[in-house]
Amino acid sequence: MATQQKNTAFGALEGLIGTWVGVKGWSVIAVPAPPSTTGFKLLVHNYTETLTFTAVDVPVENKGGAQTQFIRAVKYEQVIHAFNPVQPLPEDPDQEPELETSELIHVENGMLMLLDDIRPESGSDKPEFNIARSATIPHGDTALILGKDVVTFTRPSIPDICTTPSKSDQVGMPPDFLAQYQQEQKKQTIYDIVAKEDSLIFNVFNPNQNLQRDNNGLDVIKTTHIALDSDNEGGVINIPFIVKHANATRFTADFWLQTIKLPMSGDNFEQLQYSQTVDIEFHKKFNGEPGLITWPHVTINTLTKQ
């Protein structure tokens, strides 16, 4: 990758470079449970996050004989801790407040890459997907997901999302099995009981509702949407233990990088939102249906640049 050419054109990745912090992160995941129980356990976590993107200063060259691909890359590091609210202040003003130590629950690193700089351009076959992301996770998973970016000059259109297994996976499922899962979802949907009327803090059934709500009232003047999917000529590779017990088979990620105008000053600030889904397969389907049930592992957050 030796070259003297400085790479300053990072396209849709340019606005990501820097450090982002968010305290509105949520994770919903079903994991295998002992056969004596329902066979699954639903885990819901609220988390804080630091997400750092660092530009690679020079293009990486892929030699292809008559053509060369110049990849412009941005490294990233993601660090996630369980969210622990600050403890109430002690009545004695001379006493130091007690703060809980947040548990580290996820670390990840990887790269985001622009793929469409192929030279010479004459006769070149531009890639169908112009952005790729590689991810390494210490559970024993490595993923490559590809996709495209779209720029609009309005607030993002964030779709609803569902954390329940698909209708096809529910075929033959005993009513009490699905009811148990939905009861767990309902039990862990969180409301603000301090408010005069119960207000929804987190909807376990549809986590993207939080992202939608975070944008209410904001004057978003530009959105860069990056949509990535391992089914776009990528893939997910797992260590044998993961493959045997809870195989991750697909990884999708949507990023919405937004420029927001403040109403009073007219100044702008940057906001980054994401919604990610990892399909995890475990527990046999019912009534003789082939294959395993796919459980969506969803993570979402809203972050601001520091």
Protein backbone atom coordinates (compact mmCIF):
# COMPACT_ATOMS: atom_id res chain seq x y z
CA MET A 1 0.00 0.00 0.00
CA ALA A 2 2.98 2.29 -0.46
CA THR A 3 2.10 5.41 -2.43
CA GLN A 4 2.88 9.12 -2.24
CA GLN A 5 -0.64 10.22 -3.15
CA LYS A 6 -2.50 11.74 -0.18
CA ASN A 7 -6.11 10.68 0.05
CA THR A 8 -8.40 13.47 1.21
CA ALA A 9 -11.56 12.47 -0.67
CA PHE A 10 -13.50 10.08 1.56
CA GLY A 11 -16.89 10.63 -0.04
CA ALA A 12 -19.80 9.55 2.15
CA LEU A 13 -17.32 8.52 4.87
CA GLU A 14 -15.84 12.02 5.27
CA GLY A 15 -18.42 13.18 7.81
CA LEU A 16 -17.88 10.13 10.03
CA ILE A 17 -14.25 10.93 10.81
CA GLY A 18 -13.90 11.90 14.48
CA THR A 19 -15.22 10.69 17.83
CA TRP A 20 -18.91 10.14 18.54
CA VAL A 21 -20.55 9.59 21.91
CA GLY A 22 -24.06 8.35 22.67
CA VAL A 23 -25.94 7.40 25.83
CA LYS A 24 -29.14 6.22 24.14
CA GLY A 25 -27.97 2.79 23.02
CA TRP A 26 -30.18 -0.29 23.27
CA SER A 27 -29.58 -3.96 22.52
CA VAL A 28 -32.20 -6.72 22.16
CA ILE A 29 -30.97 -10.30 21.80
CA ALA A 30 -32.38 -13.78 22.33
CA VAL A 31 -29.83 -16.38 23.45
CA PRO A 32 -30.09 -20.16 23.96
CA ALA A 33 -31.34 -21.34 27.36
CA PRO A 34 -31.27 -24.84 28.90
CA PRO A 35 -33.73 -27.31 27.32
CA SER A 36 -35.60 -27.57 30.60
CA THR A 37 -36.84 -23.98 30.10
CA THR A 38 -38.34 -22.35 27.01
CA GLY A 39 -35.10 -22.86 25.07
CA PHE A 40 -34.33 -19.14 24.86
CA LYS A 41 -33.75 -16.11 27.04
CA LEU A 42 -34.40 -12.52 25.98
CA LEU A 43 -31.75 -9.99 27.06
CA VAL A 44 -32.27 -6.22 26.87
CA HIS A 45 -29.47 -3.77 27.62
CA ASN A 46 -29.30 0.02 27.74
CA TYR A 47 -25.78 1.20 26.92
CA THR A 48 -23.39 4.11 26.43
CA GLU A 49 -21.00 4.15 23.51
CA THR A 50 -17.87 5.78 22.14
CA LEU A 51 -17.40 5.29 18.39
CA THR A 52 -14.18 6.62 16.83
CA PHE A 53 -13.45 6.86 13.09
CA THR A 54 -9.87 7.53 11.92
CA ALA A 55 -8.91 8.18 8.31
CA VAL A 56 -6.21 6.09 6.64
CA ASP A 57 -3.99 8.80 5.13
CA VAL A 58 -3.19 7.13 1.82
CA PRO A 59 -5.21 4.98 -0.61
CA VAL A 60 -4.78 1.22 -0.49
CA GLU A 61 -4.00 -0.18 -3.96
CA ASN A 62 -5.52 -3.40 -5.27
CA LYS A 63 -3.63 -4.43 -8.40
CA GLY A 64 -5.79 -5.97 -11.11
CA GLY A 65 -3.48 -6.17 -14.09
CA ALA A 66 -4.77 -3.53 -16.53
CA GLN A 67 -6.58 -1.70 -13.74
CA THR A 68 -5.94 -0.66 -10.15
CA GLN A 69 -8.52 -0.15 -7.41
CA PHE A 70 -7.75 2.60 -4.92
CA ILE A 71 -9.58 1.99 -1.65
CA ARG A 72 -10.08 4.95 0.68
CA ALA A 73 -10.42 3.52 4.15
CA VAL A 74 -11.58 4.74 7.57
CA LYS A 75 -10.71 2.69 10.65
CA TYR A 76 -13.25 2.50 13.47
CA GLU A 77 -13.27 1.42 17.09
CA GLN A 78 -16.48 0.86 19.06
CA VAL A 79 -16.52 0.62 22.87
CA ILE A 80 -19.82 -0.02 24.70
CA HIS A 81 -20.57 -0.01 28.43
CA ALA A 82 -23.76 -0.89 30.28
CA PHE A 83 -25.68 2.25 31.17
CA ASN A 84 -25.65 2.99 34.90
CA PRO A 85 -27.41 6.19 35.99
CA VAL A 86 -25.61 8.47 38.43
CA GLN A 87 -26.56 7.55 42.00
CA PRO A 88 -28.57 10.08 44.08
CA LEU A 89 -26.42 12.69 45.81
CA PRO A 90 -25.80 12.04 49.51
CA GLU A 91 -27.60 14.21 52.03
CA ASP A 92 -24.27 15.20 53.60
CA PRO A 93 -22.67 17.78 51.23
CA ASP A 94 -19.20 16.77 52.47
CA GLN A 95 -19.73 13.17 51.42
CA GLU A 96 -18.57 12.16 47.98
CA PRO A 97 -21.33 10.70 45.75
CA GLU A 98 -21.05 7.01 44.93
CA LEU A 99 -20.77 6.25 41.23
CA GLU A 100 -21.22 2.80 39.77
CA THR A 101 -18.58 1.37 37.49
CA SER A 102 -20.13 0.61 34.12
CA GLU A 103 -19.62 -2.90 32.82
CA LEU A 104 -17.84 -3.23 29.49
CA ILE A 105 -20.22 -5.25 27.30
CA HIS A 106 -18.92 -4.87 23.73
CA VAL A 107 -15.79 -3.92 21.81
CA GLU A 108 -15.37 -4.01 18.06
CA ASN A 109 -13.00 -2.72 15.44
CA GLY A 110 -12.93 -2.68 11.69
CA MET A 111 -12.87 -0.56 8.55
CA LEU A 112 -15.24 1.31 6.29
CA MET A 113 -14.01 1.40 2.68
CA LEU A 114 -14.89 3.23 -0.54
CA LEU A 115 -14.64 0.81 -3.47
CA ASP A 116 -15.52 2.78 -6.61
CA ASP A 117 -12.16 4.40 -7.47
CA ILE A 118 -10.92 2.14 -10.28
CA ARG A 119 -8.33 3.42 -12.75
CA PRO A 120 -8.14 3.76 -15.65
CA GLU A 121 -11.88 4.35 -15.83
CA SER A 122 -12.07 3.47 -19.51
CA GLY A 123 -13.77 0.10 -19.81
CA SER A 124 -13.91 -0.34 -16.05
CA ASP A 125 -16.73 -2.22 -14.43
CA LYS A 126 -17.80 -0.07 -11.48
CA PRO A 127 -18.73 -2.16 -8.41
CA GLU A 128 -22.43 -2.54 -7.69
CA PHE A 129 -21.78 -1.66 -4.05
CA ASN A 130 -19.49 1.29 -3.42
CA ILE A 131 -19.03 0.95 0.36
CA ALA A 132 -17.80 -2.00 2.43
CA ARG A 133 -17.43 -2.52 6.16
CA SER A 134 -15.29 -5.16 7.84
CA ALA A 135 -15.97 -5.93 11.50
CA THR A 136 -14.14 -8.06 14.06
CA ILE A 137 -15.95 -8.95 17.30
CA PRO A 138 -14.32 -10.89 20.17
CA HIS A 139 -17.26 -13.28 20.49
CA GLY A 140 -15.53 -15.00 17.58
CA ASP A 141 -17.31 -13.33 14.65
CA THR A 142 -15.94 -11.59 11.58
CA ALA A 143 -18.20 -9.89 9.04
CA LEU A 144 -17.94 -8.20 5.67
CA ILE A 145 -21.00 -6.17 4.65
CA LEU A 146 -21.42 -4.07 1.51
CA GLY A 147 -23.86 -1.45 0.30
CA LYS A 148 -24.44 2.07 -0.98
CA ASP A 149 -24.92 5.63 0.25
CA VAL A 150 -27.76 8.04 -0.57
CA VAL A 151 -27.77 11.77 0.26
CA THR A 152 -31.02 13.66 0.87
CA PHE A 153 -31.69 17.16 2.14
CA THR A 154 -34.28 16.27 4.72
CA ARG A 155 -34.63 14.23 7.90
CA PRO A 156 -34.02 10.48 7.53
CA SER A 157 -36.83 8.06 6.81
CA ILE A 158 -36.16 5.41 9.47
CA PRO A 159 -38.32 2.30 9.03
CA ASP A 160 -39.92 0.26 11.77
CA ILE A 161 -38.09 -2.91 12.77
CA CYS A 162 -39.24 -6.11 14.47
CA THR A 163 -37.41 -8.20 17.07
CA THR A 164 -39.79 -11.18 16.78
CA PRO A 165 -38.91 -14.21 14.62
CA SER A 166 -40.41 -14.00 11.13
CA LYS A 167 -43.86 -15.33 10.21
CA SER A 168 -42.27 -18.22 8.32
CA ASP A 169 -40.28 -19.20 11.43
CA GLN A 170 -43.49 -19.13 13.48
CA VAL A 171 -45.12 -21.86 11.36
CA GLY A 172 -46.13 -24.68 13.72
CA MET A 173 -44.81 -22.81 16.74
CA PRO A 174 -46.82 -23.70 19.87
CA PRO A 175 -48.87 -20.69 21.03
CA ASP A 176 -47.35 -20.81 24.50
CA PHE A 177 -43.80 -20.69 23.02
CA LEU A 178 -44.46 -17.50 21.03
CA ALA A 179 -46.52 -16.07 23.88
CA GLN A 180 -43.57 -16.59 26.22
CA TYR A 181 -41.31 -14.61 23.87
CA GLN A 182 -43.84 -11.82 23.45
CA GLN A 183 -44.40 -11.72 27.21
CA GLU A 184 -40.67 -11.27 27.68
CA GLN A 185 -40.74 -8.44 25.12
CA LYS A 186 -43.65 -6.79 26.90
CA LYS A 187 -42.07 -7.23 30.34
CA GLN A 188 -38.85 -5.57 29.23
CA THR A 189 -40.46 -2.69 27.35
CA ILE A 190 -39.58 0.25 29.56
CA TYR A 191 -41.80 3.15 30.60
CA ASP A 192 -41.13 6.32 32.54
CA ILE A 193 -43.16 5.74 35.70
CA VAL A 194 -42.15 9.13 37.09
CA ALA A 195 -44.09 11.01 34.43
CA LYS A 196 -47.69 12.03 35.10
CA GLU A 197 -48.66 9.55 32.42
CA ASP A 198 -46.63 6.50 31.51
CA SER A 199 -44.37 7.43 28.60
CA LEU A 200 -42.48 4.90 26.54
CA ILE A 201 -38.71 4.93 27.07
CA PHE A 202 -37.86 1.87 24.96
CA ASN A 203 -40.03 -0.33 22.77
CA VAL A 204 -38.53 -3.84 22.75
CA PHE A 205 -40.86 -4.85 19.90
CA ASN A 206 -39.67 -1.99 17.61
CA PRO A 207 -36.31 -0.48 18.74
CA ASN A 208 -36.19 1.92 15.78
CA GLN A 209 -39.05 3.83 17.38
CA ASN A 210 -36.42 5.41 19.63
CA LEU A 211 -34.46 6.70 16.63
CA GLN A 212 -37.62 8.10 15.09
CA ARG A 213 -38.55 9.83 18.34
CA ASP A 214 -35.05 11.31 18.78
CA ASN A 215 -35.57 13.23 15.52
CA ASN A 216 -38.89 14.80 16.48
CA GLY A 217 -38.71 18.59 16.18
CA LEU A 218 -35.22 18.64 14.66
CA ASP A 219 -34.46 20.71 11.56
CA VAL A 220 -32.41 18.16 9.63
CA ILE A 221 -30.97 19.85 6.56
CA LYS A 222 -28.91 16.94 5.19
CA THR A 223 -28.86 13.15 5.68
CA THR A 224 -26.33 10.66 4.35
CA HIS A 225 -27.82 7.18 4.58
CA ILE A 226 -25.37 4.25 4.33
CA ALA A 227 -27.14 0.88 4.02
CA LEU A 228 -24.99 -2.28 4.32
CA ASP A 229 -25.83 -5.99 4.17
CA SER A 230 -23.73 -9.16 4.30
CA ASP A 231 -26.02 -10.60 1.59
CA ASN A 232 -24.50 -8.04 -0.82
CA GLU A 233 -21.58 -10.29 -1.82
CA GLY A 234 -20.27 -10.32 1.77
CA GLY A 235 -20.59 -12.80 4.60
CA VAL A 236 -20.29 -13.66 8.30
CA ILE A 237 -17.71 -16.13 9.65
CA ASN A 238 -17.89 -17.54 13.19
CA ILE A 239 -15.80 -19.75 15.44
CA PRO A 240 -17.02 -23.38 15.83
CA PHE A 241 -18.69 -22.80 19.22
CA ILE A 242 -20.86 -20.00 17.77
CA VAL A 243 -21.72 -22.08 14.70
CA LYS A 244 -22.83 -24.99 16.89
CA HIS A 245 -24.87 -23.09 19.51
CA ALA A 246 -26.05 -19.74 18.08
CA ASN A 247 -24.85 -19.22 14.54
CA ALA A 248 -24.75 -15.64 13.22
CA THR A 249 -25.77 -15.88 9.56
CA ARG A 250 -26.51 -12.34 8.35
CA PHE A 251 -25.53 -8.81 9.36
CA THR A 252 -27.27 -5.62 8.21
CA ALA A 253 -26.47 -2.05 9.26
CA ASP A 254 -28.00 1.34 8.50
CA PHE A 255 -26.21 4.59 9.35
CA TRP A 256 -27.88 8.00 9.14
CA LEU A 257 -25.35 10.85 9.31
CA GLN A 258 -27.28 14.09 9.77
CA THR A 259 -26.56 17.81 9.71
CA ILE A 260 -29.00 19.61 12.00
CA LYS A 261 -29.69 23.35 12.18
CA LEU A 262 -30.22 24.87 15.63
CA PRO A 263 -33.35 27.05 15.77
CA MET A 264 -31.98 30.02 17.76
CA SER A 265 -28.36 30.46 16.66
CA GLY A 266 -28.66 28.99 13.18
CA ASP A 267 -25.50 26.97 13.86
CA ASN A 268 -25.25 23.36 12.70
CA PHE A 269 -24.32 20.22 14.60
CA GLU A 270 -23.78 16.62 13.52
CA GLN A 271 -25.79 13.61 14.65
CA LEU A 272 -25.20 9.94 13.83
CA GLN A 273 -27.84 7.26 14.22
CA TYR A 274 -27.61 3.57 13.45
CA SER A 275 -29.74 0.45 13.50
CA GLN A 276 -28.08 -2.96 13.14
CA THR A 277 -29.49 -6.48 12.98
CA VAL A 278 -27.59 -9.75 13.31
CA ASP A 279 -29.60 -12.87 12.47
CA ILE A 280 -28.84 -15.60 15.01
CA GLU A 281 -30.01 -19.18 14.39
CA PHE A 282 -30.80 -21.65 17.16
CA HIS A 283 -33.68 -23.89 18.32
CA LYS A 284 -35.31 -26.28 15.86
CA LYS A 285 -38.43 -25.17 14.04
CA PHE A 286 -41.68 -26.90 14.94
CA ASN A 287 -43.98 -29.48 13.32
CA GLY A 288 -41.19 -30.95 11.26
CA GLU A 289 -40.30 -27.69 9.49
CA PRO A 290 -36.65 -27.83 8.32
CA GLY A 291 -33.95 -25.57 9.69
CA LEU A 292 -33.55 -23.41 12.78
CA ILE A 293 -35.44 -20.38 14.06
CA THR A 294 -33.80 -17.03 13.22
CA TRP A 295 -33.76 -14.56 16.13
CA PRO A 296 -33.03 -10.88 15.31
CA HIS A 297 -30.33 -9.30 17.49
CA VAL A 298 -30.97 -5.55 17.17
CA THR A 299 -28.81 -2.65 18.37
CA ILE A 300 -29.60 1.07 17.98
CA ASN A 301 -28.13 4.36 19.14
CA THR A 302 -28.14 8.12 18.57
CA LEU A 303 -24.72 9.81 18.89
CA THR A 304 -23.24 13.29 18.62
CA LYS A 305 -19.76 14.27 17.47
CA GLN A 306 -17.33 15.50 20.11
